[in-house]
Amino acid sequence: MAGWSLVPTLPDRVTMKGGKKIMKNLTKKTMWSKKAGSNQCSGTRTHRLPVFILVLILLLQAPTMASENEGDTKDLIRAAMVYNFCKFVDWPKDHQPDRLVLGVMGGDFSTPDFSSIEGKSVKDLPLEVRNVSSRTELAECNLVFISEIPVPKMLDTFAESRNESILTISEIEDFCVQGGIIQMVPRRGKMRFFINRQAADEAGLTLSSQLLKMARIVEGN
């Protein structure tokens, strides 16, 4: 399909230390079984889907598994999902970046690690990761992952992000309902995600129909 990368988009660290075990478990837990002599997998023609979409589906179906270092595993899966989200988003023409800046906003003890995707390329743009704590720093970002912050500060962040066409992502409960764009939701041992489509529209962001099909659409403030 024109314009879509056919290269799996997991960060390199997923295929390095601990990565083989992660991908092995992801594959084991996926409920696809290829029929003999057929290109169909449980009724789905996988050859019609770009590989990076299949990778994202694997991540969504994967259990939040334990490993020698569970925190590292969660960081890798979280980072891989955020990295893939970027491929489904188009920023408005007046906010076309020459690089993608991922801001990470949160407390000192709860800030997730996105170093596995630092410097990777998304749509031929380098991805830069920064910790942000002020409006000035936020305004320089194209997307922001929000960790544990007070609700008033989070609402202020939403208002600022709409003005600057910033994609907001978090795992905070009711994130989309309160005005965030993408909420990652661990549920029943698997990772799901919600999307507030209205918030994306207000920020001037265009989300791919492929991404919307995989998400639960929610209404928010």
N, C-alpha and C. Protein backbone atom coordinates (compact mmCIF):
# COMPACT_ATOMS: atom_id res chain seq x y z
N MET A 1 0.85 -1.20 0.00
CA MET A 1 0.00 0.00 0.00
C MET A 1 0.88 1.24 0.00
N ALA A 2 0.59 2.16 -0.92
CA ALA A 2 1.47 3.29 -1.14
C ALA A 2 1.62 4.13 0.11
N GLY A 3 2.87 4.51 0.40
CA GLY A 3 3.15 5.40 1.50
C GLY A 3 3.26 4.73 2.84
N TRP A 4 3.05 3.41 2.91
CA TRP A 4 3.11 2.70 4.18
C TRP A 4 4.36 1.84 4.23
N SER A 5 5.06 1.96 5.34
CA SER A 5 6.27 1.16 5.49
C SER A 5 5.92 -0.30 5.70
N LEU A 6 6.66 -1.18 5.06
CA LEU A 6 6.45 -2.61 5.26
C LEU A 6 7.51 -3.20 6.18
N VAL A 7 8.21 -2.34 6.90
CA VAL A 7 9.24 -2.78 7.83
C VAL A 7 8.67 -2.81 9.23
N PRO A 8 8.81 -3.92 9.98
CA PRO A 8 8.30 -3.94 11.35
C PRO A 8 8.88 -2.79 12.14
N THR A 9 8.02 -2.15 12.97
CA THR A 9 8.42 -0.90 13.58
C THR A 9 8.68 -0.98 15.07
N LEU A 10 8.96 -2.17 15.57
CA LEU A 10 9.39 -2.24 16.95
C LEU A 10 10.78 -1.65 17.06
N PRO A 11 11.09 -0.93 18.15
CA PRO A 11 12.43 -0.38 18.32
C PRO A 11 13.47 -1.48 18.43
N ASP A 12 14.73 -1.13 18.12
CA ASP A 12 15.80 -2.11 18.08
C ASP A 12 15.95 -2.87 19.38
N ARG A 13 15.73 -2.19 20.53
CA ARG A 13 15.95 -2.86 21.79
C ARG A 13 15.03 -4.05 21.98
N VAL A 14 13.88 -4.05 21.30
CA VAL A 14 12.97 -5.17 21.42
C VAL A 14 13.58 -6.41 20.80
N THR A 15 14.47 -6.24 19.85
CA THR A 15 15.11 -7.38 19.22
C THR A 15 16.49 -7.64 19.81
N MET A 16 16.86 -6.86 20.81
CA MET A 16 18.15 -7.06 21.47
C MET A 16 17.91 -7.68 22.83
N LYS A 17 18.44 -7.09 23.89
CA LYS A 17 18.38 -7.68 25.21
C LYS A 17 16.94 -7.87 25.65
N GLY A 18 16.57 -9.11 25.89
CA GLY A 18 15.23 -9.43 26.33
C GLY A 18 14.19 -9.37 25.24
N GLY A 19 14.55 -8.82 24.08
CA GLY A 19 13.57 -8.61 23.03
C GLY A 19 13.08 -9.89 22.40
N LYS A 20 13.97 -10.86 22.19
CA LYS A 20 13.56 -12.10 21.56
C LYS A 20 12.51 -12.81 22.40
N LYS A 21 12.70 -12.76 23.71
CA LYS A 21 11.73 -13.39 24.59
C LYS A 21 10.40 -12.68 24.52
N ILE A 22 10.43 -11.33 24.44
CA ILE A 22 9.20 -10.56 24.35
C ILE A 22 8.43 -10.94 23.09
N MET A 23 9.11 -10.93 21.94
CA MET A 23 8.44 -11.22 20.69
C MET A 23 7.97 -12.66 20.62
N LYS A 24 8.72 -13.57 21.26
CA LYS A 24 8.30 -14.97 21.29
C LYS A 24 7.00 -15.11 22.05
N ASN A 25 6.90 -14.40 23.18
CA ASN A 25 5.68 -14.45 23.98
C ASN A 25 4.52 -13.76 23.27
N LEU A 26 4.83 -12.65 22.59
CA LEU A 26 3.78 -11.97 21.83
C LEU A 26 3.17 -12.90 20.80
N THR A 27 4.03 -13.63 20.10
CA THR A 27 3.57 -14.53 19.05
C THR A 27 2.78 -15.68 19.64
N LYS A 28 3.26 -16.24 20.75
CA LYS A 28 2.57 -17.36 21.37
C LYS A 28 1.16 -16.99 21.79
N LYS A 29 1.00 -15.74 22.30
CA LYS A 29 -0.29 -15.35 22.85
C LYS A 29 -1.26 -14.87 21.77
N THR A 30 -0.79 -14.72 20.55
CA THR A 30 -1.67 -14.27 19.47
C THR A 30 -2.51 -15.44 18.98
N MET A 31 -3.80 -15.24 18.86
CA MET A 31 -4.72 -16.33 18.55
C MET A 31 -4.89 -16.51 17.04
N TRP A 32 -3.80 -16.45 16.33
CA TRP A 32 -3.85 -16.67 14.89
C TRP A 32 -3.20 -18.01 14.60
N SER A 33 -3.85 -18.80 13.77
CA SER A 33 -3.26 -20.08 13.37
C SER A 33 -3.41 -20.19 11.87
N LYS A 34 -2.29 -20.28 11.18
CA LYS A 34 -2.32 -20.27 9.72
C LYS A 34 -2.85 -21.61 9.20
N LYS A 35 -3.84 -21.54 8.34
CA LYS A 35 -4.40 -22.75 7.76
C LYS A 35 -3.45 -23.33 6.72
N ALA A 36 -3.38 -24.63 6.69
CA ALA A 36 -2.48 -25.29 5.75
C ALA A 36 -2.92 -24.99 4.32
N GLY A 37 -1.92 -24.57 3.51
CA GLY A 37 -2.16 -24.30 2.10
C GLY A 37 -2.99 -23.07 1.84
N SER A 38 -3.06 -22.16 2.80
CA SER A 38 -3.87 -20.96 2.64
C SER A 38 -3.13 -19.75 3.13
N ASN A 39 -3.44 -18.58 2.58
CA ASN A 39 -2.86 -17.33 3.05
C ASN A 39 -3.72 -16.68 4.11
N GLN A 40 -4.78 -17.39 4.53
CA GLN A 40 -5.66 -16.82 5.52
C GLN A 40 -5.24 -17.28 6.90
N CYS A 41 -5.36 -16.36 7.87
CA CYS A 41 -5.09 -16.67 9.26
C CYS A 41 -6.37 -16.44 10.03
N SER A 42 -7.05 -17.53 10.41
CA SER A 42 -8.31 -17.44 11.13
C SER A 42 -9.29 -16.50 10.43
N GLY A 43 -9.35 -16.59 9.11
CA GLY A 43 -10.30 -15.81 8.35
C GLY A 43 -9.82 -14.42 7.98
N THR A 44 -8.63 -14.03 8.39
CA THR A 44 -8.11 -12.70 8.09
C THR A 44 -6.99 -12.80 7.07
N ARG A 45 -7.08 -12.08 5.98
CA ARG A 45 -6.04 -12.10 4.97
C ARG A 45 -4.93 -11.17 5.37
N THR A 46 -3.94 -11.71 6.02
CA THR A 46 -2.90 -10.88 6.60
C THR A 46 -2.04 -10.22 5.54
N HIS A 47 -1.99 -10.76 4.32
CA HIS A 47 -1.14 -10.15 3.31
C HIS A 47 -1.67 -8.81 2.85
N ARG A 48 -2.89 -8.46 3.24
CA ARG A 48 -3.44 -7.17 2.86
C ARG A 48 -3.09 -6.08 3.86
N LEU A 49 -2.56 -6.46 5.02
CA LEU A 49 -2.24 -5.48 6.05
C LEU A 49 -0.76 -5.17 6.07
N PRO A 50 -0.39 -3.89 6.19
CA PRO A 50 1.02 -3.54 6.34
C PRO A 50 1.57 -4.20 7.60
N VAL A 51 2.86 -4.56 7.57
CA VAL A 51 3.46 -5.28 8.67
C VAL A 51 3.41 -4.48 9.96
N PHE A 52 3.57 -3.15 9.88
CA PHE A 52 3.60 -2.40 11.13
C PHE A 52 2.23 -2.41 11.80
N ILE A 53 1.13 -2.58 11.03
CA ILE A 53 -0.18 -2.71 11.64
C ILE A 53 -0.28 -4.06 12.38
N LEU A 54 0.27 -5.11 11.76
CA LEU A 54 0.27 -6.41 12.42
C LEU A 54 1.08 -6.36 13.71
N VAL A 55 2.19 -5.63 13.68
CA VAL A 55 3.00 -5.50 14.90
C VAL A 55 2.20 -4.81 15.99
N LEU A 56 1.48 -3.74 15.61
CA LEU A 56 0.68 -3.03 16.61
C LEU A 56 -0.42 -3.94 17.15
N ILE A 57 -1.05 -4.74 16.28
CA ILE A 57 -2.07 -5.67 16.75
C ILE A 57 -1.47 -6.68 17.73
N LEU A 58 -0.26 -7.16 17.41
CA LEU A 58 0.41 -8.08 18.34
C LEU A 58 0.59 -7.43 19.70
N LEU A 59 0.98 -6.17 19.71
CA LEU A 59 1.18 -5.47 20.98
C LEU A 59 -0.13 -5.31 21.73
N LEU A 60 -1.22 -5.06 20.99
CA LEU A 60 -2.51 -4.89 21.64
C LEU A 60 -3.01 -6.19 22.23
N GLN A 61 -2.71 -7.32 21.57
CA GLN A 61 -3.16 -8.61 22.04
C GLN A 61 -2.24 -9.22 23.08
N ALA A 62 -1.04 -8.67 23.18
CA ALA A 62 -0.05 -9.28 24.07
C ALA A 62 -0.39 -9.05 25.53
N PRO A 63 -0.25 -10.07 26.38
CA PRO A 63 -0.44 -9.87 27.80
C PRO A 63 0.69 -9.04 28.36
N THR A 64 0.43 -8.34 29.46
CA THR A 64 1.50 -7.60 30.13
C THR A 64 2.30 -8.60 30.94
N MET A 65 3.22 -9.27 30.27
CA MET A 65 3.90 -10.43 30.82
C MET A 65 5.00 -10.04 31.79
N ALA A 66 5.31 -10.95 32.68
CA ALA A 66 6.41 -10.75 33.61
C ALA A 66 7.71 -11.18 32.95
N SER A 67 8.80 -10.59 33.39
CA SER A 67 10.11 -10.97 32.88
C SER A 67 11.11 -10.75 33.99
N GLU A 68 12.42 -10.93 33.64
CA GLU A 68 13.43 -10.70 34.66
C GLU A 68 13.34 -9.27 35.18
N ASN A 69 12.95 -8.34 34.35
CA ASN A 69 12.78 -6.96 34.76
C ASN A 69 11.47 -6.46 34.17
N GLU A 70 10.40 -6.59 34.94
CA GLU A 70 9.07 -6.29 34.43
C GLU A 70 8.93 -4.83 34.02
N GLY A 71 9.59 -3.93 34.76
CA GLY A 71 9.52 -2.52 34.43
C GLY A 71 10.08 -2.24 33.05
N ASP A 72 11.22 -2.86 32.71
CA ASP A 72 11.81 -2.67 31.39
C ASP A 72 10.88 -3.18 30.29
N THR A 73 10.24 -4.31 30.53
CA THR A 73 9.33 -4.88 29.54
C THR A 73 8.17 -3.94 29.27
N LYS A 74 7.58 -3.40 30.32
CA LYS A 74 6.45 -2.48 30.15
C LYS A 74 6.89 -1.22 29.41
N ASP A 75 8.09 -0.73 29.72
CA ASP A 75 8.60 0.46 29.03
C ASP A 75 8.78 0.19 27.54
N LEU A 76 9.28 -0.99 27.20
CA LEU A 76 9.50 -1.34 25.80
C LEU A 76 8.18 -1.42 25.04
N ILE A 77 7.19 -2.07 25.64
CA ILE A 77 5.88 -2.21 24.98
C ILE A 77 5.22 -0.84 24.85
N ARG A 78 5.27 -0.03 25.90
CA ARG A 78 4.69 1.31 25.87
C ARG A 78 5.36 2.15 24.78
N ALA A 79 6.69 2.11 24.74
CA ALA A 79 7.43 2.90 23.75
C ALA A 79 7.11 2.44 22.33
N ALA A 80 7.01 1.12 22.13
CA ALA A 80 6.71 0.60 20.80
C ALA A 80 5.33 1.04 20.33
N MET A 81 4.36 1.07 21.24
CA MET A 81 3.02 1.52 20.86
C MET A 81 3.00 3.01 20.52
N VAL A 82 3.66 3.82 21.34
CA VAL A 82 3.71 5.26 21.06
C VAL A 82 4.39 5.51 19.72
N TYR A 83 5.47 4.77 19.47
CA TYR A 83 6.20 4.89 18.20
C TYR A 83 5.29 4.58 17.02
N ASN A 84 4.47 3.53 17.15
CA ASN A 84 3.57 3.16 16.07
C ASN A 84 2.42 4.13 15.92
N PHE A 85 1.94 4.69 17.03
CA PHE A 85 0.88 5.70 16.92
C PHE A 85 1.28 6.83 15.99
N CYS A 86 2.56 7.23 16.07
CA CYS A 86 3.04 8.35 15.25
C CYS A 86 2.84 8.09 13.76
N LYS A 87 2.88 6.84 13.35
CA LYS A 87 2.76 6.50 11.94
C LYS A 87 1.33 6.66 11.43
N PHE A 88 0.37 6.74 12.35
CA PHE A 88 -1.03 6.86 11.98
C PHE A 88 -1.54 8.29 12.08
N VAL A 89 -0.67 9.23 12.39
CA VAL A 89 -1.10 10.62 12.64
C VAL A 89 -0.48 11.57 11.62
N ASP A 90 -1.29 12.50 11.12
CA ASP A 90 -0.79 13.57 10.27
C ASP A 90 -1.01 14.90 10.97
N TRP A 91 0.04 15.70 11.04
CA TRP A 91 -0.04 17.03 11.64
C TRP A 91 -0.47 18.05 10.58
N PRO A 92 -1.13 19.14 10.98
CA PRO A 92 -1.58 20.14 9.99
C PRO A 92 -0.42 20.80 9.27
N LYS A 93 -0.71 21.35 8.11
CA LYS A 93 0.34 21.92 7.28
C LYS A 93 1.10 23.05 7.96
N ASP A 94 0.40 23.84 8.78
CA ASP A 94 1.09 24.94 9.45
C ASP A 94 1.88 24.49 10.67
N HIS A 95 1.85 23.17 10.97
CA HIS A 95 2.65 22.63 12.07
C HIS A 95 3.50 21.45 11.58
N GLN A 96 3.85 21.46 10.29
CA GLN A 96 4.67 20.38 9.75
C GLN A 96 6.06 20.45 10.35
N PRO A 97 6.48 19.42 11.09
CA PRO A 97 7.79 19.47 11.76
C PRO A 97 8.91 18.97 10.86
N ASP A 98 10.14 19.36 11.19
CA ASP A 98 11.31 18.79 10.53
C ASP A 98 11.88 17.64 11.36
N ARG A 99 11.25 17.42 12.52
CA ARG A 99 11.55 16.29 13.40
C ARG A 99 10.35 16.11 14.31
N LEU A 100 10.22 14.95 14.91
CA LEU A 100 9.14 14.71 15.85
C LEU A 100 9.71 14.75 17.27
N VAL A 101 9.13 15.60 18.10
CA VAL A 101 9.59 15.73 19.48
C VAL A 101 8.54 15.12 20.41
N LEU A 102 8.92 14.08 21.12
CA LEU A 102 8.06 13.44 22.12
C LEU A 102 8.40 14.01 23.48
N GLY A 103 7.46 14.73 24.06
CA GLY A 103 7.65 15.24 25.40
C GLY A 103 7.12 14.24 26.42
N VAL A 104 7.82 14.10 27.53
CA VAL A 104 7.39 13.20 28.60
C VAL A 104 7.15 14.05 29.84
N MET A 105 5.92 14.04 30.30
CA MET A 105 5.54 14.89 31.42
C MET A 105 5.06 14.02 32.58
N GLY A 106 5.66 14.19 33.75
CA GLY A 106 5.23 13.40 34.89
C GLY A 106 6.12 13.61 36.08
N GLY A 107 5.83 12.85 37.15
CA GLY A 107 6.60 12.95 38.38
C GLY A 107 7.97 12.31 38.26
N ASP A 108 8.85 12.65 39.17
CA ASP A 108 10.22 12.15 39.14
C ASP A 108 10.28 10.63 39.28
N PHE A 109 9.30 10.04 39.98
CA PHE A 109 9.37 8.61 40.28
C PHE A 109 8.44 7.78 39.39
N SER A 110 7.75 8.44 38.47
CA SER A 110 6.80 7.69 37.64
C SER A 110 6.99 7.96 36.15
N THR A 111 8.06 8.63 35.79
CA THR A 111 8.28 8.96 34.39
C THR A 111 8.73 7.73 33.61
N PRO A 112 7.98 7.31 32.59
CA PRO A 112 8.36 6.13 31.82
C PRO A 112 9.60 6.37 30.96
N ASP A 113 10.23 5.28 30.56
CA ASP A 113 11.47 5.35 29.79
C ASP A 113 11.17 5.14 28.31
N PHE A 114 11.49 6.14 27.50
CA PHE A 114 11.30 6.05 26.05
C PHE A 114 12.63 6.04 25.31
N SER A 115 13.69 5.70 26.00
CA SER A 115 15.01 5.73 25.37
C SER A 115 15.13 4.73 24.23
N SER A 116 14.28 3.68 24.22
CA SER A 116 14.37 2.66 23.16
C SER A 116 13.96 3.19 21.80
N ILE A 117 13.23 4.32 21.75
CA ILE A 117 12.82 4.87 20.46
C ILE A 117 13.50 6.21 20.18
N GLU A 118 14.34 6.67 21.08
CA GLU A 118 15.10 7.90 20.87
C GLU A 118 15.94 7.79 19.60
N GLY A 119 15.82 8.75 18.70
CA GLY A 119 16.62 8.77 17.49
C GLY A 119 16.09 7.93 16.34
N LYS A 120 14.99 7.20 16.56
CA LYS A 120 14.41 6.41 15.48
C LYS A 120 13.73 7.32 14.47
N SER A 121 13.46 6.79 13.29
CA SER A 121 12.85 7.57 12.22
C SER A 121 11.37 7.24 12.10
N VAL A 122 10.54 8.28 12.01
CA VAL A 122 9.11 8.14 11.81
C VAL A 122 8.72 9.00 10.61
N LYS A 123 8.26 8.36 9.55
CA LYS A 123 7.92 9.09 8.32
C LYS A 123 9.10 9.94 7.85
N ASP A 124 10.27 9.36 7.92
CA ASP A 124 11.52 10.01 7.51
C ASP A 124 11.91 11.18 8.41
N LEU A 125 11.31 11.28 9.57
CA LEU A 125 11.65 12.32 10.54
C LEU A 125 12.28 11.69 11.77
N PRO A 126 13.38 12.26 12.28
CA PRO A 126 13.98 11.72 13.50
C PRO A 126 13.09 11.99 14.71
N LEU A 127 13.06 11.04 15.64
CA LEU A 127 12.26 11.18 16.85
C LEU A 127 13.16 11.56 18.02
N GLU A 128 12.81 12.65 18.66
CA GLU A 128 13.57 13.15 19.81
C GLU A 128 12.70 13.06 21.06
N VAL A 129 13.29 12.62 22.17
CA VAL A 129 12.56 12.49 23.43
C VAL A 129 13.07 13.52 24.42
N ARG A 130 12.14 14.25 25.04
CA ARG A 130 12.51 15.26 26.03
C ARG A 130 11.60 15.17 27.25
N ASN A 131 12.12 15.46 28.41
CA ASN A 131 11.30 15.67 29.59
C ASN A 131 10.81 17.12 29.57
N VAL A 132 9.51 17.31 29.79
CA VAL A 132 8.96 18.66 29.75
C VAL A 132 8.23 18.96 31.06
N SER A 133 8.27 20.21 31.48
CA SER A 133 7.60 20.59 32.72
C SER A 133 6.97 21.98 32.65
N SER A 134 7.12 22.67 31.51
CA SER A 134 6.58 24.02 31.38
C SER A 134 5.84 24.17 30.06
N ARG A 135 5.06 25.22 29.95
CA ARG A 135 4.33 25.49 28.71
C ARG A 135 5.28 25.76 27.55
N THR A 136 6.36 26.44 27.85
CA THR A 136 7.34 26.75 26.80
C THR A 136 7.94 25.47 26.23
N GLU A 137 8.28 24.53 27.11
CA GLU A 137 8.84 23.25 26.65
C GLU A 137 7.78 22.43 25.92
N LEU A 138 6.54 22.47 26.41
CA LEU A 138 5.45 21.72 25.78
C LEU A 138 5.20 22.22 24.36
N ALA A 139 5.28 23.53 24.16
CA ALA A 139 5.00 24.12 22.85
C ALA A 139 5.99 23.67 21.78
N GLU A 140 7.13 23.14 22.19
CA GLU A 140 8.14 22.66 21.24
C GLU A 140 7.95 21.19 20.88
N CYS A 141 6.90 20.56 21.43
CA CYS A 141 6.66 19.13 21.20
C CYS A 141 5.59 18.90 20.13
N ASN A 142 5.64 17.75 19.50
CA ASN A 142 4.61 17.32 18.56
C ASN A 142 3.66 16.32 19.20
N LEU A 143 4.14 15.60 20.19
CA LEU A 143 3.32 14.69 20.97
C LEU A 143 3.87 14.67 22.39
N VAL A 144 2.99 14.36 23.33
CA VAL A 144 3.42 14.33 24.72
C VAL A 144 2.79 13.13 25.41
N PHE A 145 3.61 12.41 26.18
CA PHE A 145 3.10 11.33 27.02
C PHE A 145 3.01 11.88 28.43
N ILE A 146 1.80 11.83 29.00
CA ILE A 146 1.55 12.40 30.31
C ILE A 146 1.46 11.29 31.35
N SER A 147 2.35 11.36 32.32
CA SER A 147 2.33 10.40 33.42
C SER A 147 1.52 11.00 34.57
N GLU A 148 1.84 10.65 35.78
CA GLU A 148 1.06 11.13 36.92
C GLU A 148 1.28 12.62 37.17
N ILE A 149 0.26 13.43 36.88
CA ILE A 149 0.30 14.86 37.19
C ILE A 149 -1.06 15.26 37.74
N PRO A 150 -1.15 16.35 38.51
CA PRO A 150 -2.43 16.81 39.05
C PRO A 150 -3.42 17.13 37.93
N VAL A 151 -4.70 16.88 38.18
CA VAL A 151 -5.73 17.10 37.17
C VAL A 151 -5.75 18.54 36.66
N PRO A 152 -5.68 19.57 37.50
CA PRO A 152 -5.68 20.95 36.95
C PRO A 152 -4.55 21.19 35.97
N LYS A 153 -3.36 20.66 36.27
CA LYS A 153 -2.23 20.83 35.34
C LYS A 153 -2.48 20.07 34.05
N MET A 154 -3.11 18.90 34.16
CA MET A 154 -3.40 18.11 32.97
C MET A 154 -4.40 18.84 32.08
N LEU A 155 -5.41 19.46 32.67
CA LEU A 155 -6.41 20.19 31.88
C LEU A 155 -5.78 21.40 31.19
N ASP A 156 -4.86 22.06 31.88
CA ASP A 156 -4.12 23.17 31.27
C ASP A 156 -3.30 22.67 30.08
N THR A 157 -2.72 21.47 30.24
CA THR A 157 -1.93 20.86 29.17
C THR A 157 -2.79 20.59 27.95
N PHE A 158 -4.03 20.11 28.18
CA PHE A 158 -4.93 19.86 27.06
C PHE A 158 -5.21 21.14 26.28
N ALA A 159 -5.48 22.23 27.00
CA ALA A 159 -5.78 23.50 26.35
C ALA A 159 -4.59 23.97 25.51
N GLU A 160 -3.40 23.86 26.07
CA GLU A 160 -2.19 24.28 25.35
C GLU A 160 -1.93 23.37 24.15
N SER A 161 -2.15 22.06 24.32
CA SER A 161 -1.86 21.11 23.24
C SER A 161 -2.80 21.31 22.05
N ARG A 162 -4.04 21.71 22.31
CA ARG A 162 -4.96 21.98 21.20
C ARG A 162 -4.48 23.15 20.37
N ASN A 163 -3.96 24.17 21.03
CA ASN A 163 -3.48 25.35 20.31
C ASN A 163 -2.24 25.04 19.47
N GLU A 164 -1.44 24.07 19.93
CA GLU A 164 -0.17 23.77 19.28
C GLU A 164 -0.19 22.49 18.45
N SER A 165 -1.38 21.89 18.28
CA SER A 165 -1.52 20.64 17.51
C SER A 165 -0.60 19.54 18.05
N ILE A 166 -0.73 19.29 19.34
CA ILE A 166 0.09 18.28 20.01
C ILE A 166 -0.75 17.04 20.29
N LEU A 167 -0.24 15.88 19.93
CA LEU A 167 -0.91 14.61 20.22
C LEU A 167 -0.66 14.25 21.68
N THR A 168 -1.73 14.10 22.47
CA THR A 168 -1.59 13.76 23.88
C THR A 168 -1.89 12.28 24.10
N ILE A 169 -1.02 11.61 24.87
CA ILE A 169 -1.12 10.17 25.13
C ILE A 169 -0.89 9.93 26.62
N SER A 170 -1.60 8.98 27.19
CA SER A 170 -1.40 8.66 28.60
C SER A 170 -2.02 7.31 28.94
N GLU A 171 -1.74 6.85 30.14
CA GLU A 171 -2.40 5.67 30.70
C GLU A 171 -3.27 6.07 31.90
N ILE A 172 -3.41 7.37 32.14
CA ILE A 172 -4.21 7.85 33.26
C ILE A 172 -5.68 7.50 33.04
N GLU A 173 -6.35 7.05 34.09
CA GLU A 173 -7.75 6.69 34.01
C GLU A 173 -8.60 7.89 33.58
N ASP A 174 -9.57 7.63 32.68
CA ASP A 174 -10.46 8.67 32.15
C ASP A 174 -9.71 9.77 31.41
N PHE A 175 -8.55 9.46 30.88
CA PHE A 175 -7.74 10.46 30.19
C PHE A 175 -8.49 11.03 28.99
N CYS A 176 -9.08 10.16 28.18
CA CYS A 176 -9.81 10.63 27.00
C CYS A 176 -11.08 11.38 27.39
N VAL A 177 -11.76 10.91 28.42
CA VAL A 177 -12.99 11.56 28.88
C VAL A 177 -12.70 13.00 29.31
N GLN A 178 -11.52 13.23 29.89
CA GLN A 178 -11.16 14.56 30.37
C GLN A 178 -10.58 15.46 29.28
N GLY A 179 -10.37 14.90 28.09
CA GLY A 179 -9.92 15.73 26.98
C GLY A 179 -8.64 15.29 26.30
N GLY A 180 -8.03 14.18 26.77
CA GLY A 180 -6.85 13.64 26.11
C GLY A 180 -7.21 12.95 24.81
N ILE A 181 -6.23 12.68 23.96
CA ILE A 181 -6.52 12.11 22.64
C ILE A 181 -6.42 10.58 22.64
N ILE A 182 -5.32 10.02 23.15
CA ILE A 182 -5.15 8.56 23.17
C ILE A 182 -4.89 8.10 24.59
N GLN A 183 -5.67 7.14 25.04
CA GLN A 183 -5.47 6.53 26.36
C GLN A 183 -5.14 5.06 26.18
N MET A 184 -3.97 4.66 26.67
CA MET A 184 -3.57 3.26 26.65
C MET A 184 -4.13 2.59 27.90
N VAL A 185 -4.81 1.45 27.71
CA VAL A 185 -5.56 0.84 28.80
C VAL A 185 -5.18 -0.63 28.98
N PRO A 186 -4.41 -0.98 30.01
CA PRO A 186 -4.19 -2.39 30.33
C PRO A 186 -5.51 -2.98 30.83
N ARG A 187 -5.98 -4.04 30.18
CA ARG A 187 -7.26 -4.62 30.57
C ARG A 187 -7.24 -6.13 30.36
N ARG A 188 -7.57 -6.85 31.42
CA ARG A 188 -7.62 -8.31 31.38
C ARG A 188 -6.32 -8.89 30.85
N GLY A 189 -5.23 -8.32 31.29
CA GLY A 189 -3.91 -8.83 30.91
C GLY A 189 -3.47 -8.43 29.52
N LYS A 190 -4.21 -7.56 28.84
CA LYS A 190 -3.85 -7.13 27.50
C LYS A 190 -3.87 -5.60 27.43
N MET A 191 -3.24 -5.05 26.39
CA MET A 191 -3.18 -3.60 26.23
C MET A 191 -4.17 -3.15 25.16
N ARG A 192 -5.09 -2.30 25.54
CA ARG A 192 -6.05 -1.71 24.60
C ARG A 192 -5.79 -0.20 24.53
N PHE A 193 -6.50 0.50 23.65
CA PHE A 193 -6.41 1.94 23.69
C PHE A 193 -7.72 2.59 23.25
N PHE A 194 -7.99 3.75 23.86
CA PHE A 194 -9.17 4.56 23.55
C PHE A 194 -8.71 5.79 22.80
N ILE A 195 -9.63 6.36 22.00
CA ILE A 195 -9.34 7.59 21.28
C ILE A 195 -10.50 8.56 21.43
N ASN A 196 -10.17 9.80 21.77
CA ASN A 196 -11.13 10.89 21.77
C ASN A 196 -10.97 11.60 20.42
N ARG A 197 -11.82 11.25 19.49
CA ARG A 197 -11.68 11.76 18.13
C ARG A 197 -11.93 13.26 18.06
N GLN A 198 -12.87 13.74 18.89
CA GLN A 198 -13.17 15.17 18.91
C GLN A 198 -11.95 15.98 19.35
N ALA A 199 -11.24 15.47 20.37
CA ALA A 199 -10.04 16.17 20.85
C ALA A 199 -8.97 16.22 19.76
N ALA A 200 -8.85 15.13 18.99
CA ALA A 200 -7.88 15.11 17.89
C ALA A 200 -8.26 16.13 16.82
N ASP A 201 -9.56 16.20 16.50
CA ASP A 201 -10.02 17.16 15.50
C ASP A 201 -9.76 18.60 15.96
N GLU A 202 -10.01 18.87 17.24
CA GLU A 202 -9.81 20.22 17.77
C GLU A 202 -8.35 20.62 17.75
N ALA A 203 -7.46 19.63 17.83
CA ALA A 203 -6.02 19.90 17.77
C ALA A 203 -5.52 19.97 16.33
N GLY A 204 -6.42 19.73 15.37
CA GLY A 204 -6.03 19.79 13.96
C GLY A 204 -5.27 18.57 13.50
N LEU A 205 -5.38 17.46 14.23
CA LEU A 205 -4.66 16.24 13.89
C LEU A 205 -5.56 15.30 13.10
N THR A 206 -5.00 14.65 12.09
CA THR A 206 -5.72 13.67 11.29
C THR A 206 -5.26 12.27 11.68
N LEU A 207 -6.19 11.46 12.18
CA LEU A 207 -5.87 10.10 12.59
C LEU A 207 -6.29 9.13 11.50
N SER A 208 -5.42 8.19 11.18
CA SER A 208 -5.69 7.21 10.15
C SER A 208 -6.93 6.38 10.49
N SER A 209 -7.70 6.04 9.47
CA SER A 209 -8.87 5.19 9.69
C SER A 209 -8.47 3.83 10.22
N GLN A 210 -7.26 3.37 9.86
CA GLN A 210 -6.77 2.08 10.37
C GLN A 210 -6.60 2.14 11.89
N LEU A 211 -6.10 3.25 12.40
CA LEU A 211 -5.94 3.41 13.84
C LEU A 211 -7.30 3.48 14.52
N LEU A 212 -8.22 4.22 13.93
CA LEU A 212 -9.55 4.37 14.52
C LEU A 212 -10.29 3.04 14.60
N LYS A 213 -10.07 2.19 13.61
CA LYS A 213 -10.73 0.88 13.61
C LYS A 213 -10.26 0.00 14.76
N MET A 214 -9.01 0.18 15.18
CA MET A 214 -8.45 -0.65 16.25
C MET A 214 -8.73 -0.09 17.64
N ALA A 215 -9.27 1.13 17.70
CA ALA A 215 -9.47 1.79 18.99
C ALA A 215 -10.95 1.76 19.39
N ARG A 216 -11.17 2.01 20.67
CA ARG A 216 -12.52 2.29 21.16
C ARG A 216 -12.67 3.80 21.16
N ILE A 217 -13.67 4.31 20.45
CA ILE A 217 -13.88 5.74 20.36
C ILE A 217 -14.73 6.21 21.55
N VAL A 218 -14.24 7.21 22.26
CA VAL A 218 -14.96 7.73 23.41
C VAL A 218 -15.18 9.23 23.25
N GLU A 219 -16.18 9.74 23.94
CA GLU A 219 -16.45 11.17 23.94
C GLU A 219 -15.89 11.78 25.21
N GLY A 220 -15.41 13.00 25.09
CA GLY A 220 -14.81 13.64 26.25
C GLY A 220 -15.23 15.09 26.36
N ASN A 221 -14.56 15.78 27.26
CA ASN A 221 -14.88 17.19 27.49
C ASN A 221 -14.33 18.06 26.36
